N, C-alpha and C. Protein backbone atom coordinates (compact mmCIF):
# COMPACT_ATOMS: atom_id res chain seq x y z
N UNK A 1 62.91 97.88 66.63
CA UNK A 1 63.84 97.16 65.77
C UNK A 1 64.80 98.13 65.09
N UNK A 2 66.03 97.67 64.86
CA UNK A 2 67.03 98.48 64.19
C UNK A 2 67.21 98.00 62.76
N UNK A 3 67.50 98.96 61.86
CA UNK A 3 67.77 98.58 60.47
C UNK A 3 69.19 98.08 60.28
N UNK A 4 70.06 98.30 61.24
CA UNK A 4 71.45 97.88 61.14
C UNK A 4 71.64 96.46 61.62
N UNK A 5 72.91 96.06 61.81
CA UNK A 5 73.18 94.70 62.30
C UNK A 5 72.66 94.51 63.73
N UNK A 6 72.48 93.27 64.10
CA UNK A 6 72.07 92.96 65.47
C UNK A 6 73.10 93.49 66.47
N UNK A 7 74.38 93.26 66.16
CA UNK A 7 75.49 93.70 67.02
C UNK A 7 76.50 94.46 66.16
N UNK A 8 76.97 95.58 66.66
CA UNK A 8 78.06 96.32 66.00
C UNK A 8 79.09 96.73 67.04
N UNK A 9 80.31 96.24 66.86
CA UNK A 9 81.44 96.68 67.67
C UNK A 9 82.31 97.60 66.83
N UNK A 10 82.75 98.70 67.43
CA UNK A 10 83.59 99.66 66.72
C UNK A 10 84.83 99.98 67.55
N UNK A 11 85.98 99.53 67.09
CA UNK A 11 87.28 99.85 67.70
C UNK A 11 87.30 99.57 69.21
N UNK A 12 86.88 98.35 69.55
CA UNK A 12 86.80 97.95 70.95
C UNK A 12 88.18 97.58 71.49
N UNK A 13 88.55 98.17 72.62
CA UNK A 13 89.73 97.78 73.38
C UNK A 13 89.28 97.23 74.73
N UNK A 14 90.05 96.28 75.25
CA UNK A 14 89.84 95.87 76.63
C UNK A 14 91.21 95.67 77.28
N UNK A 15 91.46 96.43 78.35
CA UNK A 15 92.73 96.36 79.05
C UNK A 15 92.48 96.08 80.53
N UNK A 16 93.43 95.39 81.16
CA UNK A 16 93.32 95.17 82.60
C UNK A 16 94.72 95.15 83.23
N UNK A 17 94.75 95.50 84.51
CA UNK A 17 96.02 95.54 85.24
C UNK A 17 96.42 94.13 85.63
N UNK A 18 97.73 93.86 85.53
CA UNK A 18 98.23 92.54 85.92
C UNK A 18 99.71 92.65 86.25
N UNK A 19 100.07 92.19 87.47
CA UNK A 19 101.48 92.15 87.86
C UNK A 19 102.17 93.49 87.81
N UNK A 20 101.47 94.55 88.15
CA UNK A 20 102.07 95.88 88.14
C UNK A 20 102.10 96.53 86.77
N UNK A 21 101.62 95.80 85.76
CA UNK A 21 101.58 96.35 84.41
C UNK A 21 100.17 96.32 83.85
N UNK A 22 100.08 96.36 82.54
CA UNK A 22 98.78 96.39 81.88
C UNK A 22 98.77 95.37 80.73
N UNK A 23 97.69 94.61 80.65
CA UNK A 23 97.50 93.64 79.57
C UNK A 23 96.42 94.16 78.64
N UNK A 24 96.72 94.18 77.35
CA UNK A 24 95.73 94.59 76.35
C UNK A 24 95.15 93.31 75.74
N UNK A 25 93.93 92.96 76.15
CA UNK A 25 93.33 91.71 75.71
C UNK A 25 92.60 91.84 74.38
N UNK A 26 92.05 93.03 74.11
CA UNK A 26 91.41 93.33 72.82
C UNK A 26 91.96 94.65 72.29
N UNK A 27 92.22 94.67 70.97
CA UNK A 27 92.80 95.85 70.35
C UNK A 27 91.99 96.26 69.12
N UNK A 28 91.26 97.35 69.22
CA UNK A 28 90.55 97.96 68.09
C UNK A 28 89.74 96.93 67.29
N UNK A 29 88.94 96.18 68.01
CA UNK A 29 88.11 95.15 67.38
C UNK A 29 86.83 95.79 66.83
N UNK A 30 86.62 95.69 65.53
CA UNK A 30 85.39 96.15 64.88
C UNK A 30 84.73 94.97 64.20
N UNK A 31 83.43 94.78 64.46
CA UNK A 31 82.76 93.58 63.98
C UNK A 31 81.25 93.83 63.92
N UNK A 32 80.63 93.48 62.79
CA UNK A 32 79.18 93.49 62.66
C UNK A 32 78.68 92.06 62.64
N UNK A 33 77.60 91.80 63.38
CA UNK A 33 77.01 90.46 63.46
C UNK A 33 75.52 90.59 63.20
N UNK A 34 75.03 89.84 62.21
CA UNK A 34 73.63 89.90 61.84
C UNK A 34 72.81 88.81 62.51
N UNK A 35 71.55 88.73 62.12
CA UNK A 35 70.62 87.74 62.67
C UNK A 35 70.85 86.37 62.04
N UNK A 36 70.81 85.31 62.85
CA UNK A 36 70.91 83.95 62.35
C UNK A 36 72.33 83.57 61.97
N UNK A 37 72.51 82.31 61.60
CA UNK A 37 73.81 81.81 61.19
C UNK A 37 74.70 81.47 62.37
N UNK A 38 75.84 80.86 62.07
CA UNK A 38 76.82 80.47 63.08
C UNK A 38 78.12 81.20 62.80
N UNK A 39 78.55 82.02 63.75
CA UNK A 39 79.82 82.72 63.66
C UNK A 39 80.81 82.01 64.57
N UNK A 40 81.93 81.56 64.00
CA UNK A 40 83.01 80.96 64.80
C UNK A 40 84.11 81.98 64.99
N UNK A 41 84.52 82.17 66.24
CA UNK A 41 85.66 83.03 66.57
C UNK A 41 86.81 82.10 66.93
N UNK A 42 87.82 82.09 66.09
CA UNK A 42 88.91 81.11 66.20
C UNK A 42 90.23 81.81 66.50
N UNK A 43 91.13 81.04 67.08
CA UNK A 43 92.46 81.58 67.36
C UNK A 43 93.10 80.80 68.49
N UNK A 44 94.41 80.96 68.68
CA UNK A 44 95.12 80.21 69.73
C UNK A 44 94.75 80.71 71.12
N UNK A 45 95.12 79.97 72.14
CA UNK A 45 94.91 80.39 73.52
C UNK A 45 95.59 81.74 73.75
N UNK A 46 94.90 82.63 74.45
CA UNK A 46 95.46 83.95 74.72
C UNK A 46 95.25 84.95 73.62
N UNK A 47 94.50 84.58 72.57
CA UNK A 47 94.32 85.50 71.44
C UNK A 47 93.23 86.54 71.69
N UNK A 48 92.42 86.35 72.74
CA UNK A 48 91.36 87.31 73.04
C UNK A 48 89.96 86.80 72.74
N UNK A 49 89.84 85.52 72.35
CA UNK A 49 88.54 84.97 71.96
C UNK A 49 87.52 85.04 73.10
N UNK A 50 87.89 84.52 74.26
CA UNK A 50 86.94 84.50 75.37
C UNK A 50 86.65 85.91 75.88
N UNK A 51 87.65 86.78 75.89
CA UNK A 51 87.41 88.17 76.28
C UNK A 51 86.39 88.81 75.36
N UNK A 52 86.51 88.54 74.06
CA UNK A 52 85.54 89.08 73.11
C UNK A 52 84.14 88.56 73.43
N UNK A 53 84.02 87.27 73.76
CA UNK A 53 82.71 86.73 74.08
C UNK A 53 82.12 87.41 75.31
N UNK A 54 82.94 87.65 76.32
CA UNK A 54 82.44 88.29 77.54
C UNK A 54 82.04 89.74 77.28
N UNK A 55 82.74 90.40 76.38
CA UNK A 55 82.33 91.76 75.99
C UNK A 55 81.00 91.71 75.23
N UNK A 56 80.88 90.78 74.29
CA UNK A 56 79.64 90.65 73.54
C UNK A 56 78.46 90.37 74.47
N UNK A 57 78.68 89.54 75.49
CA UNK A 57 77.62 89.17 76.41
C UNK A 57 77.41 90.15 77.55
N UNK A 58 78.09 91.30 77.48
CA UNK A 58 77.94 92.37 78.48
C UNK A 58 78.37 91.92 79.86
N UNK A 59 79.32 90.99 79.91
CA UNK A 59 79.89 90.58 81.19
C UNK A 59 81.19 91.32 81.48
N UNK A 60 81.79 91.92 80.46
CA UNK A 60 82.94 92.81 80.61
C UNK A 60 82.63 94.11 79.88
N UNK A 61 83.08 95.22 80.45
CA UNK A 61 82.87 96.53 79.82
C UNK A 61 84.17 96.97 79.16
N UNK A 62 84.15 97.25 77.86
CA UNK A 62 85.39 97.67 77.17
C UNK A 62 85.97 98.94 77.77
N UNK A 63 87.27 99.09 77.61
CA UNK A 63 87.93 100.31 78.06
C UNK A 63 87.93 101.39 77.00
N UNK A 64 87.59 101.03 75.76
CA UNK A 64 87.46 102.02 74.69
C UNK A 64 86.61 101.41 73.57
N UNK A 65 86.02 102.28 72.76
CA UNK A 65 85.24 101.83 71.62
C UNK A 65 83.74 101.96 71.86
N UNK A 66 82.98 101.48 70.88
CA UNK A 66 81.52 101.58 70.92
C UNK A 66 80.90 100.21 70.66
N UNK A 67 79.79 99.95 71.34
CA UNK A 67 79.06 98.69 71.20
C UNK A 67 77.59 99.04 71.04
N UNK A 68 77.03 98.72 69.87
CA UNK A 68 75.61 98.94 69.62
C UNK A 68 74.92 97.59 69.49
N UNK A 69 73.86 97.42 70.26
CA UNK A 69 73.06 96.20 70.27
C UNK A 69 71.64 96.58 69.90
N UNK A 70 71.13 96.02 68.80
CA UNK A 70 69.82 96.41 68.29
C UNK A 70 69.74 97.92 68.09
N UNK A 71 70.87 98.49 67.67
CA UNK A 71 70.92 99.92 67.40
C UNK A 71 71.13 100.80 68.62
N UNK A 72 71.17 100.21 69.81
CA UNK A 72 71.29 100.99 71.05
C UNK A 72 72.73 100.97 71.56
N UNK A 73 73.19 102.13 72.01
CA UNK A 73 74.52 102.24 72.60
C UNK A 73 74.47 101.65 74.01
N UNK A 74 74.81 100.37 74.12
CA UNK A 74 74.64 99.70 75.41
C UNK A 74 75.68 100.13 76.43
N UNK A 75 76.82 100.66 75.99
CA UNK A 75 77.84 101.09 76.94
C UNK A 75 77.42 102.36 77.67
N UNK A 76 76.42 103.04 77.15
CA UNK A 76 75.92 104.26 77.80
C UNK A 76 74.79 103.95 78.79
N UNK A 77 74.40 102.68 78.91
CA UNK A 77 73.30 102.30 79.80
C UNK A 77 73.82 101.94 81.19
N UNK A 78 72.93 101.92 82.16
CA UNK A 78 73.29 101.53 83.52
C UNK A 78 73.37 100.02 83.67
N UNK A 79 73.84 99.58 84.83
CA UNK A 79 74.02 98.15 85.08
C UNK A 79 72.70 97.39 85.03
N UNK A 80 71.63 97.99 85.51
CA UNK A 80 70.34 97.31 85.50
C UNK A 80 69.86 97.06 84.07
N UNK A 81 70.05 98.06 83.20
CA UNK A 81 69.64 97.87 81.81
C UNK A 81 70.53 96.87 81.10
N UNK A 82 71.83 96.87 81.40
CA UNK A 82 72.73 95.87 80.83
C UNK A 82 72.30 94.46 81.25
N UNK A 83 71.94 94.32 82.52
CA UNK A 83 71.48 93.01 83.00
C UNK A 83 70.21 92.59 82.26
N UNK A 84 69.35 93.54 81.96
CA UNK A 84 68.15 93.24 81.19
C UNK A 84 68.48 92.73 79.81
N UNK A 85 69.46 93.36 79.15
CA UNK A 85 69.90 92.88 77.83
C UNK A 85 70.48 91.47 77.94
N UNK A 86 71.30 91.23 78.97
CA UNK A 86 71.89 89.89 79.14
C UNK A 86 70.80 88.83 79.26
N UNK A 87 69.78 89.13 80.03
CA UNK A 87 68.72 88.15 80.28
C UNK A 87 67.82 87.95 79.06
N UNK A 88 67.55 89.01 78.32
CA UNK A 88 66.60 88.93 77.20
C UNK A 88 67.24 88.51 75.89
N UNK A 89 68.46 88.96 75.65
CA UNK A 89 69.08 88.81 74.33
C UNK A 89 70.00 87.61 74.26
N UNK A 90 70.70 87.29 75.35
CA UNK A 90 71.78 86.30 75.29
C UNK A 90 71.47 85.04 76.10
N UNK A 91 71.93 83.91 75.55
CA UNK A 91 72.00 82.66 76.28
C UNK A 91 73.44 82.20 76.26
N UNK A 92 73.94 81.66 77.37
CA UNK A 92 75.35 81.33 77.49
C UNK A 92 75.56 79.82 77.66
N UNK A 93 76.54 79.28 76.93
CA UNK A 93 76.91 77.87 77.02
C UNK A 93 78.42 77.81 77.23
N UNK A 94 78.84 77.05 78.26
CA UNK A 94 80.24 77.00 78.61
C UNK A 94 80.80 75.59 78.49
N UNK A 95 82.12 75.48 78.41
CA UNK A 95 82.79 74.20 78.24
C UNK A 95 82.51 73.26 79.40
N UNK A 96 82.43 73.80 80.62
CA UNK A 96 82.29 72.95 81.82
C UNK A 96 80.84 72.74 82.24
N UNK A 97 79.90 73.11 81.40
CA UNK A 97 78.46 72.87 81.59
C UNK A 97 77.83 73.73 82.68
N UNK A 98 78.50 73.87 83.85
CA UNK A 98 78.00 74.72 84.94
C UNK A 98 76.60 74.33 85.39
N UNK A 99 76.35 73.03 85.54
CA UNK A 99 75.06 72.56 86.04
C UNK A 99 75.13 72.32 87.54
N UNK A 100 74.01 72.51 88.23
CA UNK A 100 73.94 72.19 89.65
C UNK A 100 73.90 70.67 89.82
N UNK A 101 74.85 70.07 90.56
CA UNK A 101 75.01 68.61 90.55
C UNK A 101 73.87 67.84 91.19
N UNK A 102 73.18 68.41 92.17
CA UNK A 102 72.15 67.67 92.90
C UNK A 102 70.73 68.09 92.49
N UNK A 103 70.63 68.67 91.31
CA UNK A 103 69.35 69.14 90.80
C UNK A 103 69.09 68.47 89.46
N UNK A 104 67.87 68.06 89.21
CA UNK A 104 67.54 67.35 87.97
C UNK A 104 67.79 68.22 86.74
N UNK A 105 67.90 67.57 85.59
CA UNK A 105 68.05 68.30 84.33
C UNK A 105 66.91 69.30 84.17
N UNK A 106 65.69 68.87 84.50
CA UNK A 106 64.52 69.74 84.36
C UNK A 106 64.68 71.01 85.20
N UNK A 107 65.08 70.84 86.44
CA UNK A 107 65.20 72.01 87.32
C UNK A 107 66.43 72.85 87.00
N UNK A 108 67.49 72.24 86.47
CA UNK A 108 68.63 73.02 86.00
C UNK A 108 68.21 73.95 84.87
N UNK A 109 67.43 73.43 83.94
CA UNK A 109 66.99 74.24 82.80
C UNK A 109 66.04 75.34 83.26
N UNK A 110 65.17 75.02 84.22
CA UNK A 110 64.16 75.98 84.68
C UNK A 110 64.73 77.08 85.56
N UNK A 111 65.96 76.89 86.07
CA UNK A 111 66.49 77.78 87.11
C UNK A 111 66.45 79.27 86.73
N UNK A 112 66.84 79.68 85.51
CA UNK A 112 66.78 81.12 85.20
C UNK A 112 65.38 81.71 85.35
N UNK A 113 64.35 80.91 85.16
CA UNK A 113 62.99 81.41 85.30
C UNK A 113 62.59 81.60 86.76
N UNK A 114 63.29 80.91 87.67
CA UNK A 114 63.06 81.15 89.10
C UNK A 114 63.41 82.60 89.42
N UNK A 115 64.58 83.05 88.92
CA UNK A 115 65.03 84.42 89.17
C UNK A 115 64.12 85.43 88.48
N UNK A 116 63.47 85.01 87.40
CA UNK A 116 62.57 85.90 86.68
C UNK A 116 61.18 85.94 87.31
N UNK A 117 60.95 85.13 88.35
CA UNK A 117 59.67 85.14 89.04
C UNK A 117 58.56 84.40 88.33
N UNK A 118 58.91 83.49 87.41
CA UNK A 118 57.90 82.71 86.70
C UNK A 118 57.37 81.61 87.61
N UNK A 119 56.05 81.39 87.66
CA UNK A 119 55.49 80.34 88.54
C UNK A 119 56.06 78.96 88.22
N UNK A 120 56.10 78.09 89.23
CA UNK A 120 56.75 76.79 89.12
C UNK A 120 56.19 75.96 87.97
N UNK A 121 54.88 75.89 87.84
CA UNK A 121 54.29 75.07 86.78
C UNK A 121 54.69 75.54 85.40
N UNK A 122 54.67 76.85 85.18
CA UNK A 122 55.00 77.41 83.87
C UNK A 122 56.46 77.21 83.53
N UNK A 123 57.34 77.38 84.53
CA UNK A 123 58.77 77.23 84.23
C UNK A 123 59.13 75.77 83.96
N UNK A 124 58.51 74.85 84.66
CA UNK A 124 58.79 73.43 84.40
C UNK A 124 58.23 73.00 83.04
N UNK A 125 57.11 73.53 82.66
CA UNK A 125 56.54 73.21 81.34
C UNK A 125 57.47 73.71 80.23
N UNK A 126 57.96 74.94 80.39
CA UNK A 126 58.90 75.50 79.41
C UNK A 126 60.19 74.69 79.37
N UNK A 127 60.71 74.32 80.55
CA UNK A 127 61.95 73.54 80.60
C UNK A 127 61.77 72.17 79.96
N UNK A 128 60.63 71.53 80.20
CA UNK A 128 60.37 70.21 79.59
C UNK A 128 60.31 70.32 78.08
N UNK A 129 59.68 71.39 77.57
CA UNK A 129 59.61 71.60 76.11
C UNK A 129 61.00 71.70 75.51
N UNK A 130 61.89 72.42 76.18
CA UNK A 130 63.25 72.60 75.65
C UNK A 130 64.07 71.32 75.76
N UNK A 131 63.88 70.55 76.83
CA UNK A 131 64.60 69.28 76.93
C UNK A 131 64.14 68.30 75.85
N UNK A 132 62.86 68.33 75.50
CA UNK A 132 62.41 67.52 74.37
C UNK A 132 63.05 68.01 73.08
N UNK A 133 63.19 69.32 72.95
CA UNK A 133 63.78 69.91 71.75
C UNK A 133 65.23 69.44 71.54
N UNK A 134 65.96 69.28 72.64
CA UNK A 134 67.36 68.86 72.52
C UNK A 134 67.52 67.34 72.66
N UNK A 135 66.42 66.61 72.62
CA UNK A 135 66.48 65.15 72.58
C UNK A 135 66.63 64.47 73.92
N UNK A 136 66.21 65.12 75.01
CA UNK A 136 66.40 64.55 76.35
C UNK A 136 65.08 64.31 77.08
N UNK A 137 64.04 64.01 76.34
CA UNK A 137 62.73 63.80 76.96
C UNK A 137 62.78 62.70 78.02
N UNK A 138 63.56 61.65 77.76
CA UNK A 138 63.61 60.52 78.69
C UNK A 138 64.60 60.72 79.84
N UNK A 139 65.32 61.85 79.84
CA UNK A 139 66.39 62.03 80.84
C UNK A 139 66.15 63.25 81.73
N UNK A 140 65.03 63.89 81.60
CA UNK A 140 64.85 65.18 82.27
C UNK A 140 64.79 65.07 83.80
N UNK A 141 64.49 63.89 84.34
CA UNK A 141 64.45 63.73 85.80
C UNK A 141 65.79 63.27 86.37
N UNK A 142 66.78 63.07 85.51
CA UNK A 142 68.09 62.62 85.96
C UNK A 142 68.95 63.81 86.41
N UNK A 143 69.80 63.57 87.42
CA UNK A 143 70.78 64.57 87.84
C UNK A 143 71.98 64.54 86.89
N UNK A 144 72.77 65.62 86.85
CA UNK A 144 73.92 65.66 85.92
C UNK A 144 74.87 64.48 86.02
N UNK A 145 75.11 63.95 87.25
CA UNK A 145 76.06 62.84 87.37
C UNK A 145 75.51 61.53 86.80
N UNK A 146 74.25 61.55 86.40
CA UNK A 146 73.64 60.39 85.75
C UNK A 146 73.57 60.56 84.24
N UNK A 147 74.16 61.63 83.73
CA UNK A 147 74.12 61.94 82.30
C UNK A 147 75.53 61.90 81.71
N UNK A 148 75.61 61.57 80.42
CA UNK A 148 76.89 61.62 79.72
C UNK A 148 77.30 63.09 79.51
N UNK A 149 78.55 63.29 79.09
CA UNK A 149 79.01 64.65 78.81
C UNK A 149 78.17 65.34 77.75
N UNK A 150 77.85 64.60 76.69
CA UNK A 150 77.03 65.19 75.63
C UNK A 150 75.63 65.54 76.11
N UNK A 151 75.07 64.69 76.97
CA UNK A 151 73.74 64.97 77.52
C UNK A 151 73.78 66.20 78.43
N UNK A 152 74.85 66.31 79.23
CA UNK A 152 74.98 67.48 80.09
C UNK A 152 75.08 68.77 79.27
N UNK A 153 75.80 68.69 78.16
CA UNK A 153 75.90 69.90 77.33
C UNK A 153 74.56 70.24 76.69
N UNK A 154 73.76 69.24 76.35
CA UNK A 154 72.42 69.50 75.82
C UNK A 154 71.53 70.15 76.88
N UNK A 155 71.70 69.72 78.13
CA UNK A 155 70.96 70.38 79.22
C UNK A 155 71.39 71.85 79.30
N UNK A 156 72.69 72.10 79.20
CA UNK A 156 73.19 73.47 79.26
C UNK A 156 72.65 74.32 78.11
N UNK A 157 72.53 73.72 76.93
CA UNK A 157 71.98 74.45 75.78
C UNK A 157 70.50 74.74 76.00
N UNK A 158 69.76 73.76 76.51
CA UNK A 158 68.34 73.99 76.82
C UNK A 158 68.20 75.12 77.83
N UNK A 159 69.06 75.13 78.85
CA UNK A 159 69.02 76.21 79.84
C UNK A 159 69.31 77.57 79.19
N UNK A 160 70.25 77.59 78.24
CA UNK A 160 70.56 78.85 77.56
C UNK A 160 69.39 79.36 76.73
N UNK A 161 68.48 78.45 76.34
CA UNK A 161 67.34 78.83 75.50
C UNK A 161 66.12 79.23 76.32
N UNK A 162 66.17 79.09 77.63
CA UNK A 162 64.96 79.20 78.45
C UNK A 162 64.33 80.59 78.38
N UNK A 163 65.11 81.63 78.20
CA UNK A 163 64.58 82.99 78.11
C UNK A 163 64.38 83.45 76.67
N UNK A 164 64.34 82.50 75.73
CA UNK A 164 64.13 82.78 74.31
C UNK A 164 65.12 83.83 73.80
N UNK A 165 66.41 83.55 73.88
CA UNK A 165 67.41 84.54 73.47
C UNK A 165 67.48 84.68 71.96
N UNK A 166 68.03 85.79 71.52
CA UNK A 166 68.29 86.00 70.10
C UNK A 166 69.71 85.59 69.74
N UNK A 167 70.58 85.48 70.75
CA UNK A 167 71.99 85.13 70.53
C UNK A 167 72.40 84.06 71.54
N UNK A 168 73.04 83.00 71.04
CA UNK A 168 73.70 82.02 71.90
C UNK A 168 75.20 82.26 71.83
N UNK A 169 75.82 82.48 72.99
CA UNK A 169 77.27 82.63 73.09
C UNK A 169 77.83 81.37 73.71
N UNK A 170 78.68 80.66 72.98
CA UNK A 170 79.18 79.36 73.43
C UNK A 170 80.71 79.37 73.45
N UNK A 171 81.29 79.17 74.63
CA UNK A 171 82.74 79.20 74.80
C UNK A 171 83.28 77.78 74.85
N UNK A 172 83.97 77.35 73.79
CA UNK A 172 84.52 75.99 73.67
C UNK A 172 83.46 74.95 74.05
N UNK A 173 82.29 74.95 73.40
CA UNK A 173 81.18 74.11 73.85
C UNK A 173 81.41 72.62 73.67
N UNK A 174 82.39 72.22 72.86
CA UNK A 174 82.66 70.79 72.68
C UNK A 174 84.03 70.41 73.25
N UNK A 175 84.63 71.30 74.03
CA UNK A 175 85.99 71.06 74.52
C UNK A 175 86.12 69.84 75.40
N UNK A 176 85.05 69.46 76.13
CA UNK A 176 85.10 68.29 77.01
C UNK A 176 84.41 67.08 76.40
N UNK A 177 84.16 67.11 75.10
CA UNK A 177 83.40 66.05 74.46
C UNK A 177 84.23 65.35 73.40
N UNK A 178 83.91 64.06 73.14
CA UNK A 178 84.57 63.36 72.04
C UNK A 178 84.05 63.89 70.72
N UNK A 179 84.74 63.54 69.63
CA UNK A 179 84.44 64.11 68.32
C UNK A 179 83.01 63.85 67.88
N UNK A 180 82.55 62.59 68.05
CA UNK A 180 81.20 62.25 67.59
C UNK A 180 80.13 63.02 68.36
N UNK A 181 80.30 63.11 69.69
CA UNK A 181 79.34 63.86 70.50
C UNK A 181 79.38 65.33 70.15
N UNK A 182 80.58 65.85 69.91
CA UNK A 182 80.72 67.24 69.50
C UNK A 182 80.00 67.54 68.20
N UNK A 183 80.02 66.60 67.28
CA UNK A 183 79.30 66.79 66.01
C UNK A 183 77.79 66.88 66.26
N UNK A 184 77.30 66.09 67.21
CA UNK A 184 75.88 66.15 67.55
C UNK A 184 75.50 67.50 68.14
N UNK A 185 76.37 68.05 68.99
CA UNK A 185 76.12 69.37 69.57
C UNK A 185 76.14 70.43 68.46
N UNK A 186 77.08 70.29 67.52
CA UNK A 186 77.16 71.26 66.43
C UNK A 186 75.91 71.18 65.55
N UNK A 187 75.40 69.98 65.33
CA UNK A 187 74.17 69.84 64.54
C UNK A 187 73.01 70.55 65.24
N UNK A 188 72.98 70.48 66.57
CA UNK A 188 71.94 71.18 67.32
C UNK A 188 72.09 72.70 67.16
N UNK A 189 73.32 73.20 67.22
CA UNK A 189 73.53 74.63 67.00
C UNK A 189 73.07 75.04 65.59
N UNK A 190 73.32 74.16 64.62
CA UNK A 190 72.89 74.49 63.25
C UNK A 190 71.37 74.59 63.17
N UNK A 191 70.67 73.69 63.84
CA UNK A 191 69.20 73.77 63.87
C UNK A 191 68.74 75.09 64.48
N UNK A 192 69.38 75.49 65.56
CA UNK A 192 69.00 76.74 66.22
C UNK A 192 69.25 77.94 65.31
N UNK A 193 70.37 77.92 64.59
CA UNK A 193 70.68 79.03 63.69
C UNK A 193 69.67 79.11 62.55
N UNK A 194 69.19 77.96 62.10
CA UNK A 194 68.19 77.95 61.02
C UNK A 194 66.84 78.47 61.50
N UNK A 195 66.63 78.46 62.82
CA UNK A 195 65.41 79.03 63.39
C UNK A 195 65.54 80.54 63.60
N UNK A 196 66.70 81.10 63.26
CA UNK A 196 66.89 82.54 63.37
C UNK A 196 67.71 82.99 64.55
N UNK A 197 68.13 82.06 65.41
CA UNK A 197 69.00 82.42 66.53
C UNK A 197 70.43 82.59 66.02
N UNK A 198 71.09 83.66 66.44
CA UNK A 198 72.49 83.86 66.11
C UNK A 198 73.35 83.06 67.08
N UNK A 199 74.19 82.19 66.55
CA UNK A 199 75.06 81.36 67.38
C UNK A 199 76.50 81.84 67.19
N UNK A 200 77.14 82.22 68.29
CA UNK A 200 78.53 82.67 68.26
C UNK A 200 79.36 81.67 69.05
N UNK A 201 80.26 80.99 68.37
CA UNK A 201 81.11 79.95 68.97
C UNK A 201 82.52 80.48 69.13
N UNK A 202 83.04 80.40 70.35
CA UNK A 202 84.46 80.66 70.58
C UNK A 202 85.15 79.30 70.64
N UNK A 203 86.06 79.04 69.71
CA UNK A 203 86.64 77.70 69.64
C UNK A 203 88.00 77.71 68.94
N UNK A 204 88.84 76.75 69.33
CA UNK A 204 90.05 76.51 68.55
C UNK A 204 89.94 75.18 67.80
N UNK A 205 88.78 74.54 67.89
CA UNK A 205 88.52 73.26 67.22
C UNK A 205 88.23 73.53 65.73
N UNK A 206 89.16 73.12 64.89
CA UNK A 206 89.03 73.42 63.46
C UNK A 206 87.88 72.66 62.80
N UNK A 207 87.48 71.55 63.38
CA UNK A 207 86.33 70.83 62.85
C UNK A 207 85.06 71.67 63.03
N UNK A 208 84.92 72.29 64.19
CA UNK A 208 83.78 73.18 64.43
C UNK A 208 83.85 74.41 63.54
N UNK A 209 85.05 74.96 63.40
CA UNK A 209 85.23 76.13 62.55
C UNK A 209 84.74 75.84 61.13
N UNK A 210 85.03 74.63 60.65
CA UNK A 210 84.62 74.26 59.30
C UNK A 210 83.12 74.13 59.12
N UNK A 211 82.37 73.99 60.22
CA UNK A 211 80.92 73.86 60.14
C UNK A 211 80.21 75.21 60.25
N UNK A 212 80.94 76.27 60.57
CA UNK A 212 80.33 77.58 60.77
C UNK A 212 79.99 78.23 59.43
N UNK A 213 79.02 79.12 59.45
CA UNK A 213 78.66 79.87 58.24
C UNK A 213 79.54 81.08 58.04
N UNK A 214 80.25 81.49 59.10
CA UNK A 214 81.17 82.63 59.03
C UNK A 214 82.25 82.43 60.06
N UNK A 215 83.46 82.82 59.72
CA UNK A 215 84.59 82.63 60.63
C UNK A 215 85.37 83.94 60.74
N UNK A 216 85.71 84.32 61.98
CA UNK A 216 86.69 85.39 62.19
C UNK A 216 87.82 84.81 63.03
N UNK A 217 89.02 85.25 62.75
CA UNK A 217 90.19 84.72 63.44
C UNK A 217 90.87 85.84 64.23
N UNK A 218 91.41 85.44 65.39
CA UNK A 218 92.04 86.41 66.28
C UNK A 218 93.46 86.01 66.60
N UNK A 219 94.30 87.03 66.85
CA UNK A 219 95.66 86.83 67.37
C UNK A 219 96.05 88.12 68.08
N UNK A 220 96.61 87.97 69.27
CA UNK A 220 97.09 89.10 70.04
C UNK A 220 96.03 90.17 70.24
N UNK A 221 94.78 89.72 70.43
CA UNK A 221 93.70 90.65 70.72
C UNK A 221 93.10 91.34 69.52
N UNK A 222 93.57 91.02 68.31
CA UNK A 222 93.07 91.68 67.10
C UNK A 222 92.32 90.67 66.21
N UNK A 223 91.36 91.18 65.47
CA UNK A 223 90.75 90.38 64.41
C UNK A 223 91.67 90.39 63.20
N UNK A 224 91.98 89.20 62.69
CA UNK A 224 92.86 89.11 61.53
C UNK A 224 92.09 89.20 60.22
N UNK A 225 90.85 88.68 60.21
CA UNK A 225 90.06 88.68 59.00
C UNK A 225 88.60 88.58 59.37
N UNK A 226 87.72 88.84 58.38
CA UNK A 226 86.28 88.74 58.60
C UNK A 226 85.59 88.17 57.38
């Protein structure tokens, strides 16, 4: 365990080549994130919100700066160790749900445990527990096309929880949902944060921003405030 924050970013840049030139998606981003609570990352399209989420989730490697996770310099680790951090520390929730269409809710949630080599009985038991947790006990045998948008997002959240992550990274998690359903998803995130899971929401939805315990705003790849 580290005595510092769960996550510490120091002067993070992320640049990529585009059209013969270079795009700077993140500029000197410094941010400390502790255990628990809901952090909303807000800003207009193109401000760098999603790029920041991918850097936090170790899906993109910064071109400059330092990233410490649980006190460890993760940018100095190899790809196998980074993958281990992704699997153990982070759960991911996306706007488009990313569920397998011809697989039941139960098996969608259990899928990450297949890759982890967990026996079928144990992974289905764990998946069923999480579907009950998100209020889908009666729908776990249904395929995604038999579920509402809000139910599909709850399946995606249950899947993100399957490896007992310490951080949930959610990119526009209510973007495809109506306001009332979105409020239900936000209430679920609040419950998770009260259990000690750190929830990081990337969103331009000001209603969601107002429900967060902490807000940072971005423009042109920079953090404007903390």
